[in-house]
C-alpha atoms as a PDB file:
ATOM      1  CA  MET A   1       0.000   0.000   0.000  1.00  0.00           C
ATOM      2  CA  GLY A   2       2.848   2.380   0.856  1.00  0.00           C
ATOM      3  CA  LEU A   3       2.582   6.120   1.356  1.00  0.00           C
ATOM      4  CA  GLN A   4      -0.493   7.972   0.088  1.00  0.00           C
ATOM      5  CA  LYS A   5      -1.269  11.616  -0.623  1.00  0.00           C
ATOM      6  CA  CYS A   6      -3.539  13.426   1.846  1.00  0.00           C
ATOM      7  CA  SER A   7      -7.098  13.782   0.553  1.00  0.00           C
ATOM      8  CA  LEU A   8     -10.582  13.910   2.059  1.00  0.00           C
ATOM      9  CA  ASN A   9     -13.876  12.418   0.973  1.00  0.00           C
ATOM     10  CA  LEU A  10     -16.557  13.746   3.323  1.00  0.00           C
ATOM     11  CA  ASN A  11     -20.288  13.184   3.510  1.00  0.00           C
ATOM     12  CA  SER A  12     -22.751  15.964   4.334  1.00  0.00           C
ATOM     13  CA  ALA A  13     -22.185  15.471   8.069  1.00  0.00           C
ATOM     14  CA  GLY A  14     -18.448  16.053   7.752  1.00  0.00           C
ATOM     15  CA  LYS A  15     -17.677  12.362   8.305  1.00  0.00           C
ATOM     16  CA  GLU A  16     -14.782  11.044   6.269  1.00  0.00           C
ATOM     17  CA  LEU A  17     -15.867   8.288   3.900  1.00  0.00           C
ATOM     18  CA  GLN A  18     -12.481   7.234   2.584  1.00  0.00           C
ATOM     19  CA  PRO A  19     -11.365   3.847   3.989  1.00  0.00           C
ATOM     20  CA  HIS A  20      -7.950   3.805   5.609  1.00  0.00           C
ATOM     21  CA  GLY A  21      -6.047   0.645   4.807  1.00  0.00           C
ATOM     22  CA  THR A  22      -7.940  -2.629   4.357  1.00  0.00           C
ATOM     23  CA  VAL A  23     -10.245  -4.829   6.414  1.00  0.00           C
ATOM     24  CA  GLU A  24      -7.279  -7.081   7.115  1.00  0.00           C
ATOM     25  CA  PHE A  25      -4.947  -4.181   8.020  1.00  0.00           C
ATOM     26  CA  PRO A  26      -6.966  -1.037   8.846  1.00  0.00           C
ATOM     27  CA  CYS A  27      -4.135   1.492   8.818  1.00  0.00           C
ATOM     28  CA  ALA A  28      -2.714   3.936   6.275  1.00  0.00           C
ATOM     29  CA  ALA A  29       0.007   6.589   6.095  1.00  0.00           C
ATOM     30  CA  TYR A  30      -0.327   9.917   4.280  1.00  0.00           C
ATOM     31  CA  SER A  31       1.799  12.922   3.428  1.00  0.00           C
ATOM     32  CA  GLY A  32       0.788  16.377   2.263  1.00  0.00           C
ATOM     33  CA  ILE A  33       2.073  19.906   1.839  1.00  0.00           C
ATOM     34  CA  TYR A  34      -0.130  22.805   2.943  1.00  0.00           C
ATOM     35  CA  THR A  35       0.262  26.565   2.513  1.00  0.00           C
ATOM     36  CA  GLU A  36      -1.571  29.657   3.759  1.00  0.00           C
ATOM     37  CA  LYS A  37      -3.694  29.847   0.582  1.00  0.00           C
ATOM     38  CA  PRO A  38      -7.387  29.999   1.603  1.00  0.00           C
ATOM     39  CA  GLU A  39      -8.296  26.861  -0.350  1.00  0.00           C
ATOM     40  CA  VAL A  40      -5.419  24.758   1.031  1.00  0.00           C
ATOM     41  CA  PHE A  41      -6.442  23.485   4.459  1.00  0.00           C
ATOM     42  CA  VAL A  42      -8.010  20.488   6.209  1.00  0.00           C
ATOM     43  CA  PRO A  43     -11.734  21.273   6.709  1.00  0.00           C
ATOM     44  CA  TRP A  44     -13.730  20.363   9.810  1.00  0.00           C
ATOM     45  CA  HIS A  45     -14.324  16.628   9.730  1.00  0.00           C
ATOM     46  CA  TRP A  46     -14.319  13.478  11.842  1.00  0.00           C
ATOM     47  CA  HIS A  47     -13.756   9.768  11.386  1.00  0.00           C
ATOM     48  CA  GLU A  48     -14.005   6.597  13.406  1.00  0.00           C
ATOM     49  CA  GLU A  49     -10.251   5.995  13.289  1.00  0.00           C
ATOM     50  CA  ILE A  50      -7.546   7.427  15.532  1.00  0.00           C
ATOM     51  CA  GLU A  51      -5.244   9.869  13.736  1.00  0.00           C
ATOM     52  CA  LEU A  52      -1.617  10.690  14.489  1.00  0.00           C
ATOM     53  CA  VAL A  53      -0.077  13.776  12.887  1.00  0.00           C
ATOM     54  CA  TYR A  54       3.603  14.705  12.680  1.00  0.00           C
ATOM     55  CA  ILE A  55       5.025  18.021  11.520  1.00  0.00           C
ATOM     56  CA  LYS A  56       7.994  17.272   9.254  1.00  0.00           C
ATOM     57  CA  GLU A  57       8.532  20.899   8.237  1.00  0.00           C
ATOM     58  CA  GLY A  58       6.876  24.221   9.031  1.00  0.00           C
ATOM     59  CA  ALA A  59       3.989  24.734  11.447  1.00  0.00           C
ATOM     60  CA  LEU A  60       0.300  23.866  11.738  1.00  0.00           C
ATOM     61  CA  GLN A  61      -2.702  25.360  13.530  1.00  0.00           C
ATOM     62  CA  LEU A  62      -4.847  22.452  14.720  1.00  0.00           C
ATOM     63  CA  LYS A  63      -8.343  22.935  16.146  1.00  0.00           C
ATOM     64  CA  LEU A  64     -10.356  20.351  18.049  1.00  0.00           C
ATOM     65  CA  GLN A  65     -13.568  20.453  20.034  1.00  0.00           C
ATOM     66  CA  ALA A  66     -13.070  23.458  22.341  1.00  0.00           C
ATOM     67  CA  ASP A  67      -9.260  23.377  21.945  1.00  0.00           C
ATOM     68  CA  SER A  68      -6.636  24.884  19.674  1.00  0.00           C
ATOM     69  CA  PHE A  69      -2.990  23.828  19.292  1.00  0.00           C
ATOM     70  CA  PHE A  70      -0.004  25.293  17.492  1.00  0.00           C
ATOM     71  CA  LEU A  71       2.295  22.523  16.245  1.00  0.00           C
ATOM     72  CA  LYS A  72       5.812  23.110  14.945  1.00  0.00           C
ATOM     73  CA  LYS A  73       8.510  21.012  13.274  1.00  0.00           C
ATOM     74  CA  GLY A  74       9.071  17.755  15.140  1.00  0.00           C
ATOM     75  CA  ASP A  75       5.764  17.851  17.051  1.00  0.00           C
ATOM     76  CA  CYS A  76       3.504  14.817  17.077  1.00  0.00           C
ATOM     77  CA  PHE A  77      -0.192  14.866  18.011  1.00  0.00           C
ATOM     78  CA  ALA A  78      -2.876  12.214  18.618  1.00  0.00           C
ATOM     79  CA  ILE A  79      -6.525  12.818  17.633  1.00  0.00           C
ATOM     80  CA  ASN A  80      -9.145  10.544  19.137  1.00  0.00           C
ATOM     81  CA  SER A  81     -11.687   8.477  17.264  1.00  0.00           C
ATOM     82  CA  ASN A  82     -14.775  10.544  16.296  1.00  0.00           C
ATOM     83  CA  ALA A  83     -13.185  13.837  17.406  1.00  0.00           C
ATOM     84  CA  ILE A  84     -14.096  16.651  15.026  1.00  0.00           C
ATOM     85  CA  HIS A  85     -11.001  18.592  13.904  1.00  0.00           C
ATOM     86  CA  TYR A  86      -9.634  21.205  11.491  1.00  0.00           C
ATOM     87  CA  ALA A  87      -6.095  22.184  10.443  1.00  0.00           C
ATOM     88  CA  ALA A  88      -4.377  24.944   8.475  1.00  0.00           C
ATOM     89  CA  ALA A  89      -0.727  25.689   7.709  1.00  0.00           C
ATOM     90  CA  SER A  90       0.966  28.548   9.536  1.00  0.00           C
ATOM     91  CA  PRO A  91       2.063  29.587   6.933  1.00  0.00           C
ATOM     92  CA  PHE A  92       3.591  26.364   5.480  1.00  0.00           C
ATOM     93  CA  CYS A  93       3.499  22.770   6.632  1.00  0.00           C
ATOM     94  CA  GLU A  94       4.683  19.385   5.425  1.00  0.00           C
ATOM     95  CA  LEU A  95       2.382  17.032   7.274  1.00  0.00           C
ATOM     96  CA  LEU A  96       2.729  13.278   7.868  1.00  0.00           C
ATOM     97  CA  THR A  97      -0.223  11.320   9.235  1.00  0.00           C
ATOM     98  CA  ILE A  98      -1.146   7.790  10.249  1.00  0.00           C
ATOM     99  CA  VAL A  99      -4.836   6.925  10.444  1.00  0.00           C
ATOM    100  CA  PHE A 100      -5.788   3.589  11.994  1.00  0.00           C
ATOM    101  CA  SER A 101      -8.744   1.727  13.442  1.00  0.00           C
ATOM    102  CA  PRO A 102      -8.604   0.755  17.132  1.00  0.00           C
ATOM    103  CA  THR A 103      -9.257  -2.811  15.944  1.00  0.00           C
ATOM    104  CA  LEU A 104      -5.710  -2.877  14.599  1.00  0.00           C
ATOM    105  CA  ILE A 105      -4.609  -2.866  18.252  1.00  0.00           C
ATOM    106  CA  THR A 106      -7.432  -4.857  19.852  1.00  0.00           C
ATOM    107  CA  GLY A 107      -7.995  -7.611  17.322  1.00  0.00           C
ATOM    108  CA  ASN A 108     -11.642  -7.966  18.399  1.00  0.00           C
ATOM    109  CA  SER A 109     -14.075  -6.174  20.682  1.00  0.00           C
ATOM    110  CA  LYS A 110     -13.915  -8.791  23.451  1.00  0.00           C
ATOM    111  CA  SER A 111     -10.139  -8.912  23.878  1.00  0.00           C
ATOM    112  CA  VAL A 112      -8.467  -7.532  27.005  1.00  0.00           C
ATOM    113  CA  TYR A 113      -6.895  -4.830  24.810  1.00  0.00           C
ATOM    114  CA  ALA A 114     -10.344  -3.645  23.760  1.00  0.00           C
ATOM    115  CA  GLN A 115     -12.187  -3.949  27.063  1.00  0.00           C
ATOM    116  CA  LYS A 116      -9.472  -2.768  29.434  1.00  0.00           C
ATOM    117  CA  TYR A 117      -7.625  -0.180  27.377  1.00  0.00           C
ATOM    118  CA  MET A 118      -8.871   0.960  23.953  1.00  0.00           C
ATOM    119  CA  LEU A 119     -12.623   1.233  24.531  1.00  0.00           C
ATOM    120  CA  PRO A 120     -12.240   3.230  27.780  1.00  0.00           C
ATOM    121  CA  LEU A 121      -9.681   5.464  26.040  1.00  0.00           C
ATOM    122  CA  THR A 122     -11.575   6.193  22.815  1.00  0.00           C
ATOM    123  CA  SER A 123     -14.914   6.684  24.612  1.00  0.00           C
ATOM    124  CA  ASN A 124     -13.423   9.096  27.156  1.00  0.00           C
ATOM    125  CA  SER A 125     -14.697  12.570  26.254  1.00  0.00           C
ATOM    126  CA  SER A 126     -11.748  14.176  28.060  1.00  0.00           C
ATOM    127  CA  PHE A 127      -9.533  12.826  25.278  1.00  0.00           C
ATOM    128  CA  ASN A 128     -10.128  14.677  22.039  1.00  0.00           C
ATOM    129  CA  GLY A 129      -6.468  15.123  21.280  1.00  0.00           C
ATOM    130  CA  TYR A 130      -3.100  14.978  23.009  1.00  0.00           C
ATOM    131  CA  PRO A 131       0.259  16.550  22.049  1.00  0.00           C
ATOM    132  CA  LEU A 132       3.193  14.127  21.922  1.00  0.00           C
ATOM    133  CA  ARG A 133       5.909  16.763  22.078  1.00  0.00           C
ATOM    134  CA  THR A 134       9.522  16.756  23.264  1.00  0.00           C
ATOM    135  CA  ASP A 135       8.410  15.788  26.759  1.00  0.00           C
ATOM    136  CA  SER A 136       7.262  12.461  25.315  1.00  0.00           C
ATOM    137  CA  VAL A 137      10.091  11.453  22.989  1.00  0.00           C
ATOM    138  CA  ALA A 138       9.200   7.753  23.025  1.00  0.00           C
ATOM    139  CA  PRO A 139       5.718   8.180  21.439  1.00  0.00           C
ATOM    140  CA  SER A 140       7.161  10.549  18.824  1.00  0.00           C
ATOM    141  CA  MET A 141       9.806   7.990  17.885  1.00  0.00           C
ATOM    142  CA  CYS A 142       7.122   5.307  17.748  1.00  0.00           C
ATOM    143  CA  PHE A 143       5.317   7.418  15.159  1.00  0.00           C
ATOM    144  CA  VAL A 144       8.466   7.769  13.059  1.00  0.00           C
ATOM    145  CA  ASN A 145       9.137   4.024  13.254  1.00  0.00           C
ATOM    146  CA  ALA A 146       5.583   3.142  12.248  1.00  0.00           C
ATOM    147  CA  PHE A 147       5.473   5.728   9.451  1.00  0.00           C
ATOM    148  CA  GLU A 148       8.757   4.571   7.919  1.00  0.00           C
ATOM    149  CA  ALA A 149       7.631   0.947   8.074  1.00  0.00           C
ATOM    150  CA  LEU A 150       4.387   1.837   6.271  1.00  0.00           C
ATOM    151  CA  LYS A 151       6.236   3.955   3.729  1.00  0.00           C
ATOM    152  CA  GLN A 152       8.888   1.368   2.894  1.00  0.00           C
ATOM    153  CA  GLU A 153       6.702  -1.728   3.385  1.00  0.00           C
ATOM    154  CA  VAL A 154       9.667  -3.636   4.751  1.00  0.00           C
ATOM    155  CA  SER A 155       9.301  -7.341   5.502  1.00  0.00           C
ATOM    156  CA  GLY A 156       6.951  -7.756   8.448  1.00  0.00           C
ATOM    157  CA  TYR A 157       6.041  -4.072   8.486  1.00  0.00           C
ATOM    158  CA  GLU A 158       2.597  -4.945   9.877  1.00  0.00           C
ATOM    159  CA  PHE A 159       4.219  -6.171  13.111  1.00  0.00           C
ATOM    160  CA  ILE A 160       6.396  -3.046  13.347  1.00  0.00           C
ATOM    161  CA  VAL A 161       3.436  -0.732  12.818  1.00  0.00           C
ATOM    162  CA  ARG A 162       1.166  -2.521  15.283  1.00  0.00           C
ATOM    163  CA  GLU A 163       3.870  -2.660  17.962  1.00  0.00           C
ATOM    164  CA  ASN A 164       4.680   1.043  17.736  1.00  0.00           C
ATOM    165  CA  LEU A 165       1.046   2.174  17.555  1.00  0.00           C
ATOM    166  CA  SER A 166       0.253  -0.057  20.538  1.00  0.00           C
ATOM    167  CA  GLN A 167       2.937   1.729  22.562  1.00  0.00           C
ATOM    168  CA  ILE A 168       1.433   5.113  21.637  1.00  0.00           C
ATOM    169  CA  CYS A 169      -2.061   3.952  22.615  1.00  0.00           C
ATOM    170  CA  PHE A 170      -0.853   2.647  25.980  1.00  0.00           C
ATOM    171  CA  PHE A 171       0.970   5.926  26.573  1.00  0.00           C
ATOM    172  CA  LEU A 172      -2.286   7.806  25.874  1.00  0.00           C
ATOM    173  CA  TYR A 173      -4.215   5.485  28.180  1.00  0.00           C
ATOM    174  CA  GLN A 174      -1.753   6.251  30.976  1.00  0.00           C
ATOM    175  CA  GLN A 175      -2.294  10.008  30.522  1.00  0.00           C
ATOM    176  CA  TYR A 176      -6.071   9.640  30.999  1.00  0.00           C
ATOM    177  CA  GLU A 177      -6.183   6.683  33.372  1.00  0.00           C
ATOM    178  CA  LYS A 178      -7.466   8.802  36.289  1.00  0.00           C
ATOM    179  CA  GLU A 179     -10.049  10.598  34.163  1.00  0.00           C
ATOM    180  CA  ILE A 180     -11.487   7.683  32.207  1.00  0.00           C
ATOM    181  CA  ALA A 181     -14.207   7.042  34.802  1.00  0.00           C
ATOM    182  CA  ALA A 182     -15.232  10.708  34.930  1.00  0.00           C
ATOM    183  CA  GLU A 183     -17.101  11.275  31.671  1.00  0.00           C
ATOM    184  CA  ASP A 184     -17.993  14.795  30.581  1.00  0.00           C
ATOM    185  CA  ILE A 185     -21.551  14.367  29.335  1.00  0.00           C
ATOM    186  CA  ARG A 186     -21.803  17.884  27.907  1.00  0.00           C
ATOM    187  CA  LEU A 187     -19.020  17.327  25.374  1.00  0.00           C
ATOM    188  CA  ASN A 188     -20.671  14.098  24.221  1.00  0.00           C
ATOM    189  CA  TYR A 189     -23.902  16.012  23.676  1.00  0.00           C
ATOM    190  CA  ASP A 190     -22.043  18.738  21.793  1.00  0.00           C
ATOM    191  CA  ASN A 191     -20.445  16.177  19.483  1.00  0.00           C
ATOM    192  CA  LEU A 192     -23.821  14.659  18.613  1.00  0.00           C
ATOM    193  CA  ARG A 193     -25.510  18.027  18.139  1.00  0.00           C
ATOM    194  CA  ILE A 194     -22.771  19.504  15.980  1.00  0.00           C
ATOM    195  CA  ARG A 195     -22.864  16.511  13.619  1.00  0.00           C
ATOM    196  CA  LYS A 196     -26.616  16.942  13.140  1.00  0.00           C
ATOM    197  CA  MET A 197     -26.227  20.657  12.417  1.00  0.00           C
ATOM    198  CA  LEU A 198     -23.285  20.162  10.048  1.00  0.00           C
ATOM    199  CA  GLU A 199     -25.211  17.525   8.121  1.00  0.00           C
ATOM    200  CA  PHE A 200     -28.172  19.902   7.847  1.00  0.00           C
ATOM    201  CA  ILE A 201     -26.022  22.830   6.649  1.00  0.00           C
ATOM    202  CA  ASN A 202     -23.894  20.799   4.245  1.00  0.00           C
ATOM    203  CA  SER A 203     -26.909  19.185   2.583  1.00  0.00           C
ATOM    204  CA  ARG A 204     -29.047  22.360   2.345  1.00  0.00           C
ATOM    205  CA  PHE A 205     -26.484  25.178   2.026  1.00  0.00           C
ATOM    206  CA  ALA A 206     -28.103  26.482  -1.177  1.00  0.00           C
ATOM    207  CA  GLU A 207     -31.340  27.245   0.677  1.00  0.00           C
ATOM    208  CA  ASN A 208     -32.161  30.414   2.597  1.00  0.00           C
ATOM    209  CA  LEU A 209     -31.165  29.050   6.015  1.00  0.00           C
ATOM    210  CA  SER A 210     -31.610  30.904   9.291  1.00  0.00           C
ATOM    211  CA  LEU A 211     -30.138  30.383  12.730  1.00  0.00           C
ATOM    212  CA  SER A 212     -33.500  28.980  13.809  1.00  0.00           C
ATOM    213  CA  ASP A 213     -33.422  26.388  10.998  1.00  0.00           C
ATOM    214  CA  ILE A 214     -29.958  25.205  12.014  1.00  0.00           C
ATOM    215  CA  ALA A 215     -30.875  25.013  15.707  1.00  0.00           C
ATOM    216  CA  LYS A 216     -34.009  22.979  14.949  1.00  0.00           C
ATOM    217  CA  ALA A 217     -31.881  20.386  13.117  1.00  0.00           C
ATOM    218  CA  ALA A 218     -30.361  19.482  16.507  1.00  0.00           C
ATOM    219  CA  GLU A 219     -33.607  20.071  18.421  1.00  0.00           C
ATOM    220  CA  ILE A 220     -32.109  22.891  20.512  1.00  0.00           C
ATOM    221  CA  GLY A 221     -32.748  26.611  20.943  1.00  0.00           C
ATOM    222  CA  GLU A 222     -30.912  29.358  19.081  1.00  0.00           C
ATOM    223  CA  ARG A 223     -28.802  30.404  22.085  1.00  0.00           C
ATOM    224  CA  GLU A 224     -27.678  26.826  22.767  1.00  0.00           C
ATOM    225  CA  CYS A 225     -26.934  26.447  19.048  1.00  0.00           C
ATOM    226  CA  LEU A 226     -24.615  29.465  19.203  1.00  0.00           C
ATOM    227  CA  ARG A 227     -22.929  28.190  22.362  1.00  0.00           C
ATOM    228  CA  CYS A 228     -22.498  24.703  20.922  1.00  0.00           C
ATOM    229  CA  PHE A 229     -20.823  26.037  17.757  1.00  0.00           C
ATOM    230  CA  GLN A 230     -18.573  28.304  19.796  1.00  0.00           C
ATOM    231  CA  ARG A 231     -17.519  25.505  22.148  1.00  0.00           C
ATOM    232  CA  THR A 232     -16.786  23.005  19.409  1.00  0.00           C
ATOM    233  CA  MET A 233     -15.727  25.028  16.356  1.00  0.00           C
ATOM    234  CA  GLN A 234     -14.870  28.479  17.699  1.00  0.00           C
ATOM    235  CA  SER A 235     -17.207  30.125  15.180  1.00  0.00           C
ATOM    236  CA  SER A 236     -20.899  30.838  14.688  1.00  0.00           C
ATOM    237  CA  PRO A 237     -23.320  28.720  12.616  1.00  0.00           C
ATOM    238  CA  MET A 238     -23.747  31.500  10.054  1.00  0.00           C
ATOM    239  CA  GLN A 239     -19.980  31.943   9.708  1.00  0.00           C
ATOM    240  CA  TYR A 240     -19.653  28.227   9.044  1.00  0.00           C
ATOM    241  CA  LEU A 241     -22.505  28.377   6.505  1.00  0.00           C
ATOM    242  CA  LEU A 242     -20.872  31.274   4.657  1.00  0.00           C
ATOM    243  CA  LYS A 243     -17.488  29.572   4.530  1.00  0.00           C
ATOM    244  CA  TYR A 244     -19.046  26.324   3.327  1.00  0.00           C
ATOM    245  CA  ARG A 245     -20.867  28.217   0.557  1.00  0.00           C
ATOM    246  CA  MET A 246     -17.573  29.819  -0.466  1.00  0.00           C
ATOM    247  CA  MET A 247     -15.880  26.419  -0.647  1.00  0.00           C
ATOM    248  CA  GLN A 248     -18.720  25.035  -2.749  1.00  0.00           C
ATOM    249  CA  GLY A 249     -18.608  28.096  -4.998  1.00  0.00           C
ATOM    250  CA  ALA A 250     -14.883  27.711  -5.630  1.00  0.00           C
ATOM    251  CA  ASP A 251     -15.397  24.048  -6.428  1.00  0.00           C
ATOM    252  CA  LEU A 252     -18.312  24.701  -8.802  1.00  0.00           C
ATOM    253  CA  LEU A 253     -16.425  27.431 -10.659  1.00  0.00           C
ATOM    254  CA  LEU A 254     -13.939  24.779 -11.778  1.00  0.00           C
ATOM    255  CA  LYS A 255     -16.286  21.811 -12.134  1.00  0.00           C
ATOM    256  CA  LYS A 256     -18.889  23.755 -14.154  1.00  0.00           C
ATOM    257  CA  PRO A 257     -16.914  26.014 -16.526  1.00  0.00           C
ATOM    258  CA  ALA A 258     -19.958  26.483 -18.771  1.00  0.00           C
ATOM    259  CA  GLU A 259     -22.039  27.937 -15.932  1.00  0.00           C
ATOM    260  CA  SER A 260     -22.083  31.705 -15.500  1.00  0.00           C
ATOM    261  CA  ILE A 261     -20.972  33.411 -12.294  1.00  0.00           C
ATOM    262  CA  SER A 262     -24.600  34.321 -11.686  1.00  0.00           C
ATOM    263  CA  GLU A 263     -25.676  30.685 -11.958  1.00  0.00           C
ATOM    264  CA  ILE A 264     -22.884  29.554  -9.626  1.00  0.00           C
ATOM    265  CA  ALA A 265     -23.937  32.197  -7.089  1.00  0.00           C
ATOM    266  CA  SER A 266     -27.498  30.901  -7.144  1.00  0.00           C
ATOM    267  CA  LEU A 267     -26.355  27.289  -6.740  1.00  0.00           C
ATOM    268  CA  CYS A 268     -24.443  28.326  -3.616  1.00  0.00           C
ATOM    269  CA  GLY A 269     -27.373  30.061  -1.966  1.00  0.00           C
ATOM    270  CA  PHE A 270     -26.528  33.721  -2.717  1.00  0.00           C
ATOM    271  CA  ASP A 271     -29.339  36.118  -3.569  1.00  0.00           C
ATOM    272  CA  SER A 272     -27.190  38.132  -5.995  1.00  0.00           C
ATOM    273  CA  PRO A 273     -24.007  37.663  -8.066  1.00  0.00           C
ATOM    274  CA  SER A 274     -22.559  40.876  -6.624  1.00  0.00           C
ATOM    275  CA  ASN A 275     -22.896  39.618  -3.054  1.00  0.00           C
ATOM    276  CA  PHE A 276     -21.318  36.319  -4.068  1.00  0.00           C
ATOM    277  CA  ALA A 277     -18.401  38.129  -5.746  1.00  0.00           C
ATOM    278  CA  LYS A 278     -17.905  40.385  -2.722  1.00  0.00           C
ATOM    279  CA  MET A 279     -17.783  37.471  -0.265  1.00  0.00           C
ATOM    280  CA  PHE A 280     -15.664  35.375  -2.634  1.00  0.00           C
ATOM    281  CA  LYS A 281     -13.010  38.087  -2.874  1.00  0.00           C
ATOM    282  CA  ARG A 282     -12.935  38.329   0.928  1.00  0.00           C
ATOM    283  CA  TYR A 283     -12.162  34.637   1.219  1.00  0.00           C
ATOM    284  CA  TYR A 284      -9.992  33.996  -1.841  1.00  0.00           C
ATOM    285  CA  LYS A 285      -8.412  37.411  -2.455  1.00  0.00           C
ATOM    286  CA  CYS A 286      -9.627  37.438  -6.059  1.00  0.00           C
ATOM    287  CA  THR A 287     -12.899  37.607  -8.003  1.00  0.00           C
ATOM    288  CA  PRO A 288     -14.730  34.425  -9.054  1.00  0.00           C
ATOM    289  CA  ARG A 289     -13.762  35.057 -12.688  1.00  0.00           C
ATOM    290  CA  GLU A 290     -10.095  35.533 -11.792  1.00  0.00           C
ATOM    291  CA  TYR A 291     -10.172  32.361  -9.692  1.00  0.00           C
ATOM    292  CA  ARG A 292     -11.607  30.379 -12.612  1.00  0.00           C
ATOM    293  CA  ASN A 293      -9.158  31.809 -15.153  1.00  0.00           C
ATOM    294  CA  LEU A 294      -6.087  31.364 -12.943  1.00  0.00           C
ATOM    295  CA  ARG A 295      -6.853  27.676 -12.558  1.00  0.00           C
END
């Protein structure tokens, strides 16, 4: 399988659809280069696998549910299963990642590894992400060992990868051992609510949506909707909607070259081409026509 290029395939709820590895070996390694260009970033998303990121060069701004981290060259970071996250270069980053299913470590759901260690760890809402910096050299080296084994596909690389990822998982379990029994119910509720609202926005972004519409998708009031977005994504629902429309507009400009700017604006939920052009220039530093021609 070897090393793969970073890419995302998300459904309307922001869940990543792309399988990582195979059923027999659910693990994959990726590399990617990111810059400060508005269209080059990792959008808000989540997946059932655990993700480990390593900064080979440059720096990265990583956001998780209610947390933000600045990672620099040599830093390693663990993101929990089902934790919603976002990343952008600051201003340049060469990023290495390993994405793997907990079943790679546990084997099956009834093993001691699953019941005693992995399930309590991945279901602990206190653990959204954890930095494996210079104060934890061993986990960082485990990442490097696992990544190189996946990249080179040396003989028996599956054993090397599983051994090193197991050490990282046990290290993470030790960090949260005292907190695992103390679940934070509010964060679990936030995670569920935000997925419902993201799915609603992403599937109906072209419609004339209001804050009330978005809140109703999660069966909560407008004030709680605002608080939930702020806690989890550090933005408002309408800011997210606008940015998502901009992303869709940029994509449609390239995918539908025969469509006029006015038609693209309408497809993205804007009431006028001029408003679309104004917002587009704010996000992409150029007009929609310039963006289409430059690419």
